[in-house]
Amino acid sequence: MPDVISPCQKLRQALAKEDTTEYRRLANELIRKEEPADKAVENAINRYGYMFMRSHGGIEKALELFKLNVILFPESARVWDSLGEGFMSAGNNDLAIAHYEKSLTLNPSNDNARRILEKLREKD
């Protein structure tokens, strides 16, 4: 009997297959759930986002996952930091700056965000 596939794994598979309809359906299910998603979901979505970001041509898929994480966990400095990194990797420094600033607002001791913001602002 195969192991049960988690909702996060299903999201990753839908993106990998470029099945945007299925991805949206699964993402909306997570967003509309009665009970809020837990830290394990946040961690899994973030991990899959980085997996896509490191693969050839995966930045758009990574951004989809990072954006979903921001919707699910708006108070998490980590998810805003990841979305900032995604936009920085995509070459969109303005959005990267905005998301790193949000991360820093939520976690003023986020030295990584502070360092990256300094570098991004030097480029402007």
PDB file of N, CA and C in Angstrom:
ATOM      1  N   MET A   1       0.856  -1.182   0.000  1.00  0.00           N
ATOM      2  CA  MET A   1       0.000   0.000   0.000  1.00  0.00           C
ATOM      3  C   MET A   1       0.899   1.241   0.000  1.00  0.00           C
ATOM      4  N   PRO A   2       0.700   2.144  -0.977  1.00  0.00           N
ATOM      5  CA  PRO A   2       1.561   3.334  -1.025  1.00  0.00           C
ATOM      6  C   PRO A   2       1.264   4.290   0.123  1.00  0.00           C
ATOM      7  N   ASP A   3       2.295   5.049   0.497  1.00  0.00           N
ATOM      8  CA  ASP A   3       2.106   6.064   1.525  1.00  0.00           C
ATOM      9  C   ASP A   3       1.162   7.140   1.011  1.00  0.00           C
ATOM     10  N   VAL A   4       0.476   7.777   1.925  1.00  0.00           N
ATOM     11  CA  VAL A   4      -0.408   8.867   1.557  1.00  0.00           C
ATOM     12  C   VAL A   4       0.449  10.060   1.127  1.00  0.00           C
ATOM     13  N   ILE A   5       0.075  10.686   0.036  1.00  0.00           N
ATOM     14  CA  ILE A   5       0.805  11.849  -0.458  1.00  0.00           C
ATOM     15  C   ILE A   5       0.232  13.095   0.216  1.00  0.00           C
ATOM     16  N   SER A   6       1.099  13.906   0.794  1.00  0.00           N
ATOM     17  CA  SER A   6       0.657  15.110   1.500  1.00  0.00           C
ATOM     18  C   SER A   6       0.153  16.152   0.505  1.00  0.00           C
ATOM     19  N   PRO A   7      -0.672  17.087   0.976  1.00  0.00           N
ATOM     20  CA  PRO A   7      -1.123  18.168   0.094  1.00  0.00           C
ATOM     21  C   PRO A   7       0.041  18.962  -0.503  1.00  0.00           C
ATOM     22  N   CYS A   8       1.106  19.126   0.269  1.00  0.00           N
ATOM     23  CA  CYS A   8       2.268  19.869  -0.237  1.00  0.00           C
ATOM     24  C   CYS A   8       2.967  19.098  -1.358  1.00  0.00           C
ATOM     25  N   GLN A   9       3.061  17.780  -1.207  1.00  0.00           N
ATOM     26  CA  GLN A   9       3.656  16.964  -2.263  1.00  0.00           C
ATOM     27  C   GLN A   9       2.797  17.028  -3.527  1.00  0.00           C
ATOM     28  N   LYS A  10       1.479  17.036  -3.353  1.00  0.00           N
ATOM     29  CA  LYS A  10       0.581  17.153  -4.500  1.00  0.00           C
ATOM     30  C   LYS A  10       0.779  18.489  -5.213  1.00  0.00           C
ATOM     31  N   LEU A  11       0.970  19.562  -4.432  1.00  0.00           N
ATOM     32  CA  LEU A  11       1.244  20.877  -5.026  1.00  0.00           C
ATOM     33  C   LEU A  11       2.512  20.825  -5.871  1.00  0.00           C
ATOM     34  N   ARG A  12       3.565  20.260  -5.286  1.00  0.00           N
ATOM     35  CA  ARG A  12       4.850  20.163  -5.984  1.00  0.00           C
ATOM     36  C   ARG A  12       4.706  19.359  -7.268  1.00  0.00           C
ATOM     37  N   GLN A  13       3.983  18.236  -7.201  1.00  0.00           N
ATOM     38  CA  GLN A  13       3.795  17.395  -8.382  1.00  0.00           C
ATOM     39  C   GLN A  13       3.018  18.126  -9.474  1.00  0.00           C
ATOM     40  N   ALA A  14       1.982  18.855  -9.081  1.00  0.00           N
ATOM     41  CA  ALA A  14       1.187  19.602 -10.060  1.00  0.00           C
ATOM     42  C   ALA A  14       2.066  20.647 -10.757  1.00  0.00           C
ATOM     43  N   LEU A  15       2.900  21.352  -9.995  1.00  0.00           N
ATOM     44  CA  LEU A  15       3.795  22.341 -10.609  1.00  0.00           C
ATOM     45  C   LEU A  15       4.818  21.659 -11.518  1.00  0.00           C
ATOM     46  N   ALA A  16       5.361  20.551 -11.057  1.00  0.00           N
ATOM     47  CA  ALA A  16       6.362  19.840 -11.849  1.00  0.00           C
ATOM     48  C   ALA A  16       5.770  19.396 -13.193  1.00  0.00           C
ATOM     49  N   LYS A  17       4.494  19.017 -13.185  1.00  0.00           N
ATOM     50  CA  LYS A  17       3.806  18.593 -14.420  1.00  0.00           C
ATOM     51  C   LYS A  17       3.256  19.780 -15.202  1.00  0.00           C
ATOM     52  N   GLU A  18       3.445  20.986 -14.637  1.00  0.00           N
ATOM     53  CA  GLU A  18       2.906  22.213 -15.217  1.00  0.00           C
ATOM     54  C   GLU A  18       1.387  22.155 -15.359  1.00  0.00           C
ATOM     55  N   ASP A  19       0.757  21.498 -14.397  1.00  0.00           N
ATOM     56  CA  ASP A  19      -0.704  21.412 -14.341  1.00  0.00           C
ATOM     57  C   ASP A  19      -1.215  22.555 -13.460  1.00  0.00           C
ATOM     58  N   THR A  20      -1.333  23.734 -14.069  1.00  0.00           N
ATOM     59  CA  THR A  20      -1.695  24.915 -13.286  1.00  0.00           C
ATOM     60  C   THR A  20      -3.120  24.825 -12.743  1.00  0.00           C
ATOM     61  N   THR A  21      -4.003  24.148 -13.450  1.00  0.00           N
ATOM     62  CA  THR A  21      -5.376  23.999 -12.963  1.00  0.00           C
ATOM     63  C   THR A  21      -5.393  23.210 -11.663  1.00  0.00           C
ATOM     64  N   GLU A  22      -4.682  22.099 -11.633  1.00  0.00           N
ATOM     65  CA  GLU A  22      -4.611  21.270 -10.426  1.00  0.00           C
ATOM     66  C   GLU A  22      -3.883  22.015  -9.308  1.00  0.00           C
ATOM     67  N   TYR A  23      -2.816  22.711  -9.660  1.00  0.00           N
ATOM     68  CA  TYR A  23      -2.088  23.489  -8.648  1.00  0.00           C
ATOM     69  C   TYR A  23      -3.020  24.503  -7.991  1.00  0.00           C
ATOM     70  N   ARG A  24      -3.749  25.258  -8.782  1.00  0.00           N
ATOM     71  CA  ARG A  24      -4.666  26.273  -8.238  1.00  0.00           C
ATOM     72  C   ARG A  24      -5.735  25.628  -7.351  1.00  0.00           C
ATOM     73  N   ARG A  25      -6.260  24.488  -7.789  1.00  0.00           N
ATOM     74  CA  ARG A  25      -7.279  23.787  -6.993  1.00  0.00           C
ATOM     75  C   ARG A  25      -6.708  23.388  -5.641  1.00  0.00           C
ATOM     76  N   LEU A  26      -5.538  22.808  -5.642  1.00  0.00           N
ATOM     77  CA  LEU A  26      -4.901  22.371  -4.393  1.00  0.00           C
ATOM     78  C   LEU A  26      -4.544  23.564  -3.500  1.00  0.00           C
ATOM     79  N   ALA A  27      -4.024  24.630  -4.109  1.00  0.00           N
ATOM     80  CA  ALA A  27      -3.666  25.822  -3.344  1.00  0.00           C
ATOM     81  C   ALA A  27      -4.916  26.420  -2.700  1.00  0.00           C
ATOM     82  N   ASN A  28      -5.996  26.502  -3.462  1.00  0.00           N
ATOM     83  CA  ASN A  28      -7.239  27.056  -2.916  1.00  0.00           C
ATOM     84  C   ASN A  28      -7.798  26.192  -1.796  1.00  0.00           C
ATOM     85  N   GLU A  29      -7.644  24.890  -1.904  1.00  0.00           N
ATOM     86  CA  GLU A  29      -8.067  23.994  -0.810  1.00  0.00           C
ATOM     87  C   GLU A  29      -7.302  24.322   0.471  1.00  0.00           C
ATOM     88  N   LEU A  30      -6.000  24.509   0.355  1.00  0.00           N
ATOM     89  CA  LEU A  30      -5.186  24.844   1.528  1.00  0.00           C
ATOM     90  C   LEU A  30      -5.601  26.185   2.117  1.00  0.00           C
ATOM     91  N   ILE A  31      -5.863  27.154   1.247  1.00  0.00           N
ATOM     92  CA  ILE A  31      -6.238  28.495   1.701  1.00  0.00           C
ATOM     93  C   ILE A  31      -7.592  28.475   2.415  1.00  0.00           C
ATOM     94  N   ARG A  32      -8.528  27.671   1.900  1.00  0.00           N
ATOM     95  CA  ARG A  32      -9.891  27.669   2.448  1.00  0.00           C
ATOM     96  C   ARG A  32     -10.115  26.694   3.599  1.00  0.00           C
ATOM     97  N   LYS A  33      -9.103  25.926   3.967  1.00  0.00           N
ATOM     98  CA  LYS A  33      -9.268  24.948   5.057  1.00  0.00           C
ATOM     99  C   LYS A  33      -9.771  25.616   6.327  1.00  0.00           C
ATOM    100  N   GLU A  34     -10.588  24.885   7.049  1.00  0.00           N
ATOM    101  CA  GLU A  34     -11.138  25.390   8.315  1.00  0.00           C
ATOM    102  C   GLU A  34     -10.029  25.702   9.321  1.00  0.00           C
ATOM    103  N   GLU A  35      -9.176  24.721   9.554  1.00  0.00           N
ATOM    104  CA  GLU A  35      -8.095  24.939  10.514  1.00  0.00           C
ATOM    105  C   GLU A  35      -6.880  25.486   9.764  1.00  0.00           C
ATOM    106  N   PRO A  36      -6.172  26.423  10.364  1.00  0.00           N
ATOM    107  CA  PRO A  36      -5.014  26.994   9.677  1.00  0.00           C
ATOM    108  C   PRO A  36      -3.930  25.941   9.457  1.00  0.00           C
ATOM    109  N   ALA A  37      -3.182  26.116   8.395  1.00  0.00           N
ATOM    110  CA  ALA A  37      -2.079  25.208   8.101  1.00  0.00           C
ATOM    111  C   ALA A  37      -1.020  25.342   9.196  1.00  0.00           C
ATOM    112  N   ASP A  38      -0.294  24.266   9.421  1.00  0.00           N
ATOM    113  CA  ASP A  38       0.691  24.280  10.497  1.00  0.00           C
ATOM    114  C   ASP A  38       2.109  24.509   9.972  1.00  0.00           C
ATOM    115  N   LYS A  39       3.038  24.563  10.897  1.00  0.00           N
ATOM    116  CA  LYS A  39       4.441  24.837  10.587  1.00  0.00           C
ATOM    117  C   LYS A  39       5.013  23.812   9.598  1.00  0.00           C
ATOM    118  N   ALA A  40       4.565  22.570   9.666  1.00  0.00           N
ATOM    119  CA  ALA A  40       5.062  21.549   8.744  1.00  0.00           C
ATOM    120  C   ALA A  40       4.698  21.898   7.304  1.00  0.00           C
ATOM    121  N   VAL A  41       3.500  22.454   7.102  1.00  0.00           N
ATOM    122  CA  VAL A  41       3.076  22.874   5.760  1.00  0.00           C
ATOM    123  C   VAL A  41       3.948  24.040   5.291  1.00  0.00           C
ATOM    124  N   GLU A  42       4.154  25.012   6.174  1.00  0.00           N
ATOM    125  CA  GLU A  42       5.018  26.160   5.830  1.00  0.00           C
ATOM    126  C   GLU A  42       6.399  25.673   5.412  1.00  0.00           C
ATOM    127  N   ASN A  43       6.975  24.774   6.203  1.00  0.00           N
ATOM    128  CA  ASN A  43       8.319  24.265   5.920  1.00  0.00           C
ATOM    129  C   ASN A  43       8.364  23.492   4.608  1.00  0.00           C
ATOM    130  N   ALA A  44       7.356  22.651   4.362  1.00  0.00           N
ATOM    131  CA  ALA A  44       7.341  21.838   3.138  1.00  0.00           C
ATOM    132  C   ALA A  44       7.207  22.724   1.901  1.00  0.00           C
ATOM    133  N   ILE A  45       6.296  23.673   1.935  1.00  0.00           N
ATOM    134  CA  ILE A  45       6.112  24.563   0.779  1.00  0.00           C
ATOM    135  C   ILE A  45       7.395  25.346   0.531  1.00  0.00           C
ATOM    136  N   ASN A  46       8.013  25.841   1.582  1.00  0.00           N
ATOM    137  CA  ASN A  46       9.263  26.584   1.435  1.00  0.00           C
ATOM    138  C   ASN A  46      10.351  25.697   0.832  1.00  0.00           C
ATOM    139  N   ARG A  47      10.464  24.485   1.344  1.00  0.00           N
ATOM    140  CA  ARG A  47      11.483  23.548   0.849  1.00  0.00           C
ATOM    141  C   ARG A  47      11.268  23.257  -0.634  1.00  0.00           C
ATOM    142  N   TYR A  48      10.018  22.998  -1.034  1.00  0.00           N
ATOM    143  CA  TYR A  48       9.735  22.723  -2.442  1.00  0.00           C
ATOM    144  C   TYR A  48      10.007  23.957  -3.302  1.00  0.00           C
ATOM    145  N   GLY A  49       9.727  25.135  -2.770  1.00  0.00           N
ATOM    146  CA  GLY A  49      10.034  26.358  -3.507  1.00  0.00           C
ATOM    147  C   GLY A  49      11.519  26.457  -3.819  1.00  0.00           C
ATOM    148  N   TYR A  50      12.339  26.178  -2.810  1.00  0.00           N
ATOM    149  CA  TYR A  50      13.788  26.224  -3.028  1.00  0.00           C
ATOM    150  C   TYR A  50      14.247  25.122  -3.976  1.00  0.00           C
ATOM    151  N   MET A  51      13.596  23.969  -3.943  1.00  0.00           N
ATOM    152  CA  MET A  51      13.944  22.902  -4.885  1.00  0.00           C
ATOM    153  C   MET A  51      13.724  23.389  -6.318  1.00  0.00           C
ATOM    154  N   PHE A  52      12.584  24.020  -6.557  1.00  0.00           N
ATOM    155  CA  PHE A  52      12.318  24.535  -7.898  1.00  0.00           C
ATOM    156  C   PHE A  52      13.282  25.663  -8.252  1.00  0.00           C
ATOM    157  N   MET A  53      13.570  26.534  -7.291  1.00  0.00           N
ATOM    158  CA  MET A  53      14.435  27.677  -7.558  1.00  0.00           C
ATOM    159  C   MET A  53      15.827  27.221  -7.990  1.00  0.00           C
ATOM    160  N   ARG A  54      16.284  26.107  -7.471  1.00  0.00           N
ATOM    161  CA  ARG A  54      17.616  25.598  -7.795  1.00  0.00           C
ATOM    162  C   ARG A  54      17.640  24.790  -9.087  1.00  0.00           C
ATOM    163  N   SER A  55      16.455  24.477  -9.631  1.00  0.00           N
ATOM    164  CA  SER A  55      16.420  23.688 -10.856  1.00  0.00           C
ATOM    165  C   SER A  55      16.314  24.620 -12.057  1.00  0.00           C
ATOM    166  N   HIS A  56      16.771  24.146 -13.190  1.00  0.00           N
ATOM    167  CA  HIS A  56      16.766  24.948 -14.407  1.00  0.00           C
ATOM    168  C   HIS A  56      15.345  25.389 -14.756  1.00  0.00           C
ATOM    169  N   GLY A  57      15.149  26.684 -14.873  1.00  0.00           N
ATOM    170  CA  GLY A  57      13.845  27.205 -15.285  1.00  0.00           C
ATOM    171  C   GLY A  57      12.755  27.104 -14.242  1.00  0.00           C
ATOM    172  N   GLY A  58      13.120  26.869 -12.989  1.00  0.00           N
ATOM    173  CA  GLY A  58      12.110  26.649 -11.969  1.00  0.00           C
ATOM    174  C   GLY A  58      11.703  27.871 -11.170  1.00  0.00           C
ATOM    175  N   ILE A  59      12.228  29.048 -11.514  1.00  0.00           N
ATOM    176  CA  ILE A  59      11.980  30.220 -10.676  1.00  0.00           C
ATOM    177  C   ILE A  59      10.498  30.594 -10.629  1.00  0.00           C
ATOM    178  N   GLU A  60       9.791  30.488 -11.737  1.00  0.00           N
ATOM    179  CA  GLU A  60       8.363  30.842 -11.732  1.00  0.00           C
ATOM    180  C   GLU A  60       7.567  29.895 -10.839  1.00  0.00           C
ATOM    181  N   LYS A  61       7.932  28.624 -10.863  1.00  0.00           N
ATOM    182  CA  LYS A  61       7.264  27.641 -10.001  1.00  0.00           C
ATOM    183  C   LYS A  61       7.593  27.925  -8.536  1.00  0.00           C
ATOM    184  N   ALA A  62       8.840  28.273  -8.279  1.00  0.00           N
ATOM    185  CA  ALA A  62       9.242  28.614  -6.912  1.00  0.00           C
ATOM    186  C   ALA A  62       8.441  29.816  -6.423  1.00  0.00           C
ATOM    187  N   LEU A  63       8.302  30.826  -7.270  1.00  0.00           N
ATOM    188  CA  LEU A  63       7.547  32.020  -6.883  1.00  0.00           C
ATOM    189  C   LEU A  63       6.094  31.680  -6.570  1.00  0.00           C
ATOM    190  N   GLU A  64       5.508  30.762  -7.327  1.00  0.00           N
ATOM    191  CA  GLU A  64       4.128  30.337  -7.043  1.00  0.00           C
ATOM    192  C   GLU A  64       4.021  29.777  -5.627  1.00  0.00           C
ATOM    193  N   LEU A  65       4.979  28.931  -5.264  1.00  0.00           N
ATOM    194  CA  LEU A  65       4.950  28.333  -3.926  1.00  0.00           C
ATOM    195  C   LEU A  65       5.228  29.370  -2.851  1.00  0.00           C
ATOM    196  N   PHE A  66       6.190  30.241  -3.077  1.00  0.00           N
ATOM    197  CA  PHE A  66       6.498  31.268  -2.079  1.00  0.00           C
ATOM    198  C   PHE A  66       5.311  32.221  -1.887  1.00  0.00           C
ATOM    199  N   LYS A  67       4.625  32.558  -2.978  1.00  0.00           N
ATOM    200  CA  LYS A  67       3.438  33.431  -2.874  1.00  0.00           C
ATOM    201  C   LYS A  67       2.332  32.745  -2.079  1.00  0.00           C
ATOM    202  N   LEU A  68       2.139  31.460  -2.314  1.00  0.00           N
ATOM    203  CA  LEU A  68       1.138  30.702  -1.553  1.00  0.00           C
ATOM    204  C   LEU A  68       1.495  30.712  -0.068  1.00  0.00           C
ATOM    205  N   ASN A  69       2.758  30.524   0.249  1.00  0.00           N
ATOM    206  CA  ASN A  69       3.186  30.505   1.647  1.00  0.00           C
ATOM    207  C   ASN A  69       2.903  31.837   2.328  1.00  0.00           C
ATOM    208  N   VAL A  70       3.066  32.942   1.607  1.00  0.00           N
ATOM    209  CA  VAL A  70       2.779  34.266   2.160  1.00  0.00           C
ATOM    210  C   VAL A  70       1.281  34.408   2.463  1.00  0.00           C
ATOM    211  N   ILE A  71       0.449  33.834   1.597  1.00  0.00           N
ATOM    212  CA  ILE A  71      -1.005  33.868   1.833  1.00  0.00           C
ATOM    213  C   ILE A  71      -1.350  33.033   3.073  1.00  0.00           C
ATOM    214  N   LEU A  72      -0.743  31.852   3.170  1.00  0.00           N
ATOM    215  CA  LEU A  72      -1.050  30.947   4.275  1.00  0.00           C
ATOM    216  C   LEU A  72      -0.429  31.399   5.602  1.00  0.00           C
ATOM    217  N   PHE A  73       0.725  32.044   5.540  1.00  0.00           N
ATOM    218  CA  PHE A  73       1.467  32.405   6.758  1.00  0.00           C
ATOM    219  C   PHE A  73       1.927  33.861   6.703  1.00  0.00           C
ATOM    220  N   PRO A  74       0.987  34.802   6.678  1.00  0.00           N
ATOM    221  CA  PRO A  74       1.351  36.217   6.511  1.00  0.00           C
ATOM    222  C   PRO A  74       2.180  36.795   7.659  1.00  0.00           C
ATOM    223  N   GLU A  75       2.197  36.134   8.801  1.00  0.00           N
ATOM    224  CA  GLU A  75       2.965  36.640   9.946  1.00  0.00           C
ATOM    225  C   GLU A  75       4.343  35.994  10.073  1.00  0.00           C
ATOM    226  N   SER A  76       4.718  35.182   9.097  1.00  0.00           N
ATOM    227  CA  SER A  76       6.013  34.503   9.138  1.00  0.00           C
ATOM    228  C   SER A  76       7.065  35.309   8.381  1.00  0.00           C
ATOM    229  N   ALA A  77       8.061  35.779   9.109  1.00  0.00           N
ATOM    230  CA  ALA A  77       9.153  36.522   8.469  1.00  0.00           C
ATOM    231  C   ALA A  77       9.875  35.640   7.447  1.00  0.00           C
ATOM    232  N   ARG A  78       9.941  34.365   7.730  1.00  0.00           N
ATOM    233  CA  ARG A  78      10.669  33.442   6.859  1.00  0.00           C
ATOM    234  C   ARG A  78      10.062  33.365   5.459  1.00  0.00           C
ATOM    235  N   VAL A  79       8.733  33.309   5.367  1.00  0.00           N
ATOM    236  CA  VAL A  79       8.121  33.169   4.045  1.00  0.00           C
ATOM    237  C   VAL A  79       8.289  34.448   3.214  1.00  0.00           C
ATOM    238  N   TRP A  80       8.265  35.598   3.881  1.00  0.00           N
ATOM    239  CA  TRP A  80       8.492  36.864   3.172  1.00  0.00           C
ATOM    240  C   TRP A  80       9.943  36.936   2.690  1.00  0.00           C
ATOM    241  N   ASP A  81      10.871  36.456   3.524  1.00  0.00           N
ATOM    242  CA  ASP A  81      12.283  36.404   3.156  1.00  0.00           C
ATOM    243  C   ASP A  81      12.469  35.522   1.921  1.00  0.00           C
ATOM    244  N   SER A  82      11.824  34.365   1.911  1.00  0.00           N
ATOM    245  CA  SER A  82      11.940  33.441   0.773  1.00  0.00           C
ATOM    246  C   SER A  82      11.362  34.062  -0.499  1.00  0.00           C
ATOM    247  N   LEU A  83      10.224  34.732  -0.368  1.00  0.00           N
ATOM    248  CA  LEU A  83       9.630  35.381  -1.538  1.00  0.00           C
ATOM    249  C   LEU A  83      10.559  36.487  -2.047  1.00  0.00           C
ATOM    250  N   GLY A  84      11.172  37.217  -1.134  1.00  0.00           N
ATOM    251  CA  GLY A  84      12.152  38.224  -1.538  1.00  0.00           C
ATOM    252  C   GLY A  84      13.310  37.599  -2.301  1.00  0.00           C
ATOM    253  N   GLU A  85      13.797  36.478  -1.804  1.00  0.00           N
ATOM    254  CA  GLU A  85      14.898  35.791  -2.482  1.00  0.00           C
ATOM    255  C   GLU A  85      14.472  35.304  -3.861  1.00  0.00           C
ATOM    256  N   GLY A  86      13.235  34.824  -3.949  1.00  0.00           N
ATOM    257  CA  GLY A  86      12.719  34.384  -5.249  1.00  0.00           C
ATOM    258  C   GLY A  86      12.687  35.524  -6.255  1.00  0.00           C
ATOM    259  N   PHE A  87      12.169  36.672  -5.837  1.00  0.00           N
ATOM    260  CA  PHE A  87      12.120  37.818  -6.748  1.00  0.00           C
ATOM    261  C   PHE A  87      13.522  38.317  -7.089  1.00  0.00           C
ATOM    262  N   MET A  88      14.436  38.267  -6.126  1.00  0.00           N
ATOM    263  CA  MET A  88      15.819  38.657  -6.404  1.00  0.00           C
ATOM    264  C   MET A  88      16.419  37.720  -7.455  1.00  0.00           C
ATOM    265  N   SER A  89      16.188  36.422  -7.323  1.00  0.00           N
ATOM    266  CA  SER A  89      16.687  35.449  -8.295  1.00  0.00           C
ATOM    267  C   SER A  89      16.080  35.661  -9.675  1.00  0.00           C
ATOM    268  N   ALA A  90      14.835  36.144  -9.688  1.00  0.00           N
ATOM    269  CA  ALA A  90      14.143  36.399 -10.960  1.00  0.00           C
ATOM    270  C   ALA A  90      14.574  37.737 -11.564  1.00  0.00           C
ATOM    271  N   GLY A  91      15.386  38.497 -10.827  1.00  0.00           N
ATOM    272  CA  GLY A  91      15.853  39.776 -11.331  1.00  0.00           C
ATOM    273  C   GLY A  91      14.924  40.946 -11.061  1.00  0.00           C
ATOM    274  N   ASN A  92      13.921  40.745 -10.210  1.00  0.00           N
ATOM    275  CA  ASN A  92      12.987  41.820  -9.884  1.00  0.00           C
ATOM    276  C   ASN A  92      13.376  42.412  -8.527  1.00  0.00           C
ATOM    277  N   ASN A  93      14.340  43.334  -8.563  1.00  0.00           N
ATOM    278  CA  ASN A  93      14.881  43.875  -7.320  1.00  0.00           C
ATOM    279  C   ASN A  93      13.861  44.703  -6.544  1.00  0.00           C
ATOM    280  N   ASP A  94      12.960  45.403  -7.233  1.00  0.00           N
ATOM    281  CA  ASP A  94      11.959  46.211  -6.531  1.00  0.00           C
ATOM    282  C   ASP A  94      11.063  45.336  -5.656  1.00  0.00           C
ATOM    283  N   LEU A  95      10.577  44.239  -6.223  1.00  0.00           N
ATOM    284  CA  LEU A  95       9.739  43.337  -5.428  1.00  0.00           C
ATOM    285  C   LEU A  95      10.563  42.609  -4.372  1.00  0.00           C
ATOM    286  N   ALA A  96      11.804  42.299  -4.690  1.00  0.00           N
ATOM    287  CA  ALA A  96      12.686  41.666  -3.693  1.00  0.00           C
ATOM    288  C   ALA A  96      12.840  42.583  -2.490  1.00  0.00           C
ATOM    289  N   ILE A  97      13.101  43.854  -2.735  1.00  0.00           N
ATOM    290  CA  ILE A  97      13.266  44.823  -1.649  1.00  0.00           C
ATOM    291  C   ILE A  97      12.002  44.898  -0.805  1.00  0.00           C
ATOM    292  N   ALA A  98      10.850  44.991  -1.459  1.00  0.00           N
ATOM    293  CA  ALA A  98       9.577  45.102  -0.730  1.00  0.00           C
ATOM    294  C   ALA A  98       9.348  43.898   0.177  1.00  0.00           C
ATOM    295  N   HIS A  99       9.667  42.705  -0.313  1.00  0.00           N
ATOM    296  CA  HIS A  99       9.419  41.500   0.484  1.00  0.00           C
ATOM    297  C   HIS A  99      10.448  41.308   1.585  1.00  0.00           C
ATOM    298  N   TYR A 100      11.694  41.670   1.315  1.00  0.00           N
ATOM    299  CA  TYR A 100      12.698  41.618   2.378  1.00  0.00           C
ATOM    300  C   TYR A 100      12.373  42.639   3.472  1.00  0.00           C
ATOM    301  N   GLU A 101      11.866  43.808   3.085  1.00  0.00           N
ATOM    302  CA  GLU A 101      11.468  44.808   4.088  1.00  0.00           C
ATOM    303  C   GLU A 101      10.351  44.277   4.970  1.00  0.00           C
ATOM    304  N   LYS A 102       9.376  43.582   4.371  1.00  0.00           N
ATOM    305  CA  LYS A 102       8.278  42.996   5.148  1.00  0.00           C
ATOM    306  C   LYS A 102       8.827  41.956   6.122  1.00  0.00           C
ATOM    307  N   SER A 103       9.763  41.134   5.657  1.00  0.00           N
ATOM    308  CA  SER A 103      10.377  40.128   6.523  1.00  0.00           C
ATOM    309  C   SER A 103      11.069  40.794   7.710  1.00  0.00           C
ATOM    310  N   LEU A 104      11.776  41.873   7.420  1.00  0.00           N
ATOM    311  CA  LEU A 104      12.503  42.597   8.467  1.00  0.00           C
ATOM    312  C   LEU A 104      11.542  43.256   9.456  1.00  0.00           C
ATOM    313  N   THR A 105      10.395  43.712   8.973  1.00  0.00           N
ATOM    314  CA  THR A 105       9.378  44.288   9.853  1.00  0.00           C
ATOM    315  C   THR A 105       8.861  43.233  10.829  1.00  0.00           C
ATOM    316  N   LEU A 106       8.644  42.025  10.326  1.00  0.00           N
ATOM    317  CA  LEU A 106       8.136  40.934  11.159  1.00  0.00           C
ATOM    318  C   LEU A 106       9.208  40.371  12.089  1.00  0.00           C
ATOM    319  N   ASN A 107      10.460  40.442  11.655  1.00  0.00           N
ATOM    320  CA  ASN A 107      11.569  39.931  12.466  1.00  0.00           C
ATOM    321  C   ASN A 107      12.744  40.900  12.353  1.00  0.00           C
ATOM    322  N   PRO A 108      12.758  41.928  13.209  1.00  0.00           N
ATOM    323  CA  PRO A 108      13.817  42.938  13.140  1.00  0.00           C
ATOM    324  C   PRO A 108      15.230  42.385  13.329  1.00  0.00           C
ATOM    325  N   SER A 109      15.366  41.179  13.842  1.00  0.00           N
ATOM    326  CA  SER A 109      16.710  40.602  14.013  1.00  0.00           C
ATOM    327  C   SER A 109      17.120  39.734  12.821  1.00  0.00           C
ATOM    328  N   ASN A 110      16.406  39.836  11.702  1.00  0.00           N
ATOM    329  CA  ASN A 110      16.740  39.073  10.500  1.00  0.00           C
ATOM    330  C   ASN A 110      17.922  39.754   9.795  1.00  0.00           C
ATOM    331  N   ASP A 111      19.126  39.387  10.227  1.00  0.00           N
ATOM    332  CA  ASP A 111      20.334  40.000   9.674  1.00  0.00           C
ATOM    333  C   ASP A 111      20.531  39.663   8.204  1.00  0.00           C
ATOM    334  N   ASN A 112      20.080  38.479   7.773  1.00  0.00           N
ATOM    335  CA  ASN A 112      20.166  38.105   6.362  1.00  0.00           C
ATOM    336  C   ASN A 112      19.390  39.110   5.506  1.00  0.00           C
ATOM    337  N   ALA A 113      18.161  39.408   5.893  1.00  0.00           N
ATOM    338  CA  ALA A 113      17.350  40.363   5.138  1.00  0.00           C
ATOM    339  C   ALA A 113      18.014  41.737   5.131  1.00  0.00           C
ATOM    340  N   ARG A 114      18.556  42.141   6.258  1.00  0.00           N
ATOM    341  CA  ARG A 114      19.212  43.446   6.359  1.00  0.00           C
ATOM    342  C   ARG A 114      20.406  43.540   5.386  1.00  0.00           C
ATOM    343  N   ARG A 115      21.234  42.493   5.371  1.00  0.00           N
ATOM    344  CA  ARG A 115      22.403  42.465   4.473  1.00  0.00           C
ATOM    345  C   ARG A 115      21.989  42.511   3.005  1.00  0.00           C
ATOM    346  N   ILE A 116      21.004  41.698   2.667  1.00  0.00           N
ATOM    347  CA  ILE A 116      20.571  41.638   1.266  1.00  0.00           C
ATOM    348  C   ILE A 116      19.933  42.962   0.845  1.00  0.00           C
ATOM    349  N   LEU A 117      19.159  43.561   1.738  1.00  0.00           N
ATOM    350  CA  LEU A 117      18.571  44.869   1.425  1.00  0.00           C
ATOM    351  C   LEU A 117      19.652  45.905   1.128  1.00  0.00           C
ATOM    352  N   GLU A 118      20.715  45.902   1.908  1.00  0.00           N
ATOM    353  CA  GLU A 118      21.814  46.840   1.660  1.00  0.00           C
ATOM    354  C   GLU A 118      22.397  46.625   0.267  1.00  0.00           C
ATOM    355  N   LYS A 119      22.625  45.368  -0.103  1.00  0.00           N
ATOM    356  CA  LYS A 119      23.178  45.057  -1.418  1.00  0.00           C
ATOM    357  C   LYS A 119      22.225  45.462  -2.542  1.00  0.00           C
ATOM    358  N   LEU A 120      20.933  45.156  -2.360  1.00  0.00           N
ATOM    359  CA  LEU A 120      19.945  45.494  -3.393  1.00  0.00           C
ATOM    360  C   LEU A 120      19.821  46.998  -3.567  1.00  0.00           C
ATOM    361  N   ARG A 121      19.873  47.715  -2.482  1.00  0.00           N
ATOM    362  CA  ARG A 121      19.740  49.186  -2.549  1.00  0.00           C
ATOM    363  C   ARG A 121      20.975  49.820  -3.204  1.00  0.00           C
ATOM    364  N   GLU A 122      22.137  49.188  -3.053  1.00  0.00           N
ATOM    365  CA  GLU A 122      23.350  49.690  -3.706  1.00  0.00           C
ATOM    366  C   GLU A 122      23.233  49.599  -5.220  1.00  0.00           C
ATOM    367  N   LYS A 123      22.466  48.608  -5.715  1.00  0.00           N
ATOM    368  CA  LYS A 123      22.301  48.404  -7.152  1.00  0.00           C
ATOM    369  C   LYS A 123      21.422  49.478  -7.775  1.00  0.00           C
ATOM    370  N   ASP A 124      20.535  50.076  -6.975  1.00  0.00           N
ATOM    371  CA  ASP A 124      19.605  51.074  -7.538  1.00  0.00           C
ATOM    372  C   ASP A 124      20.293  52.371  -7.896  1.00  0.00           C
TER     373      ASP A 124
END
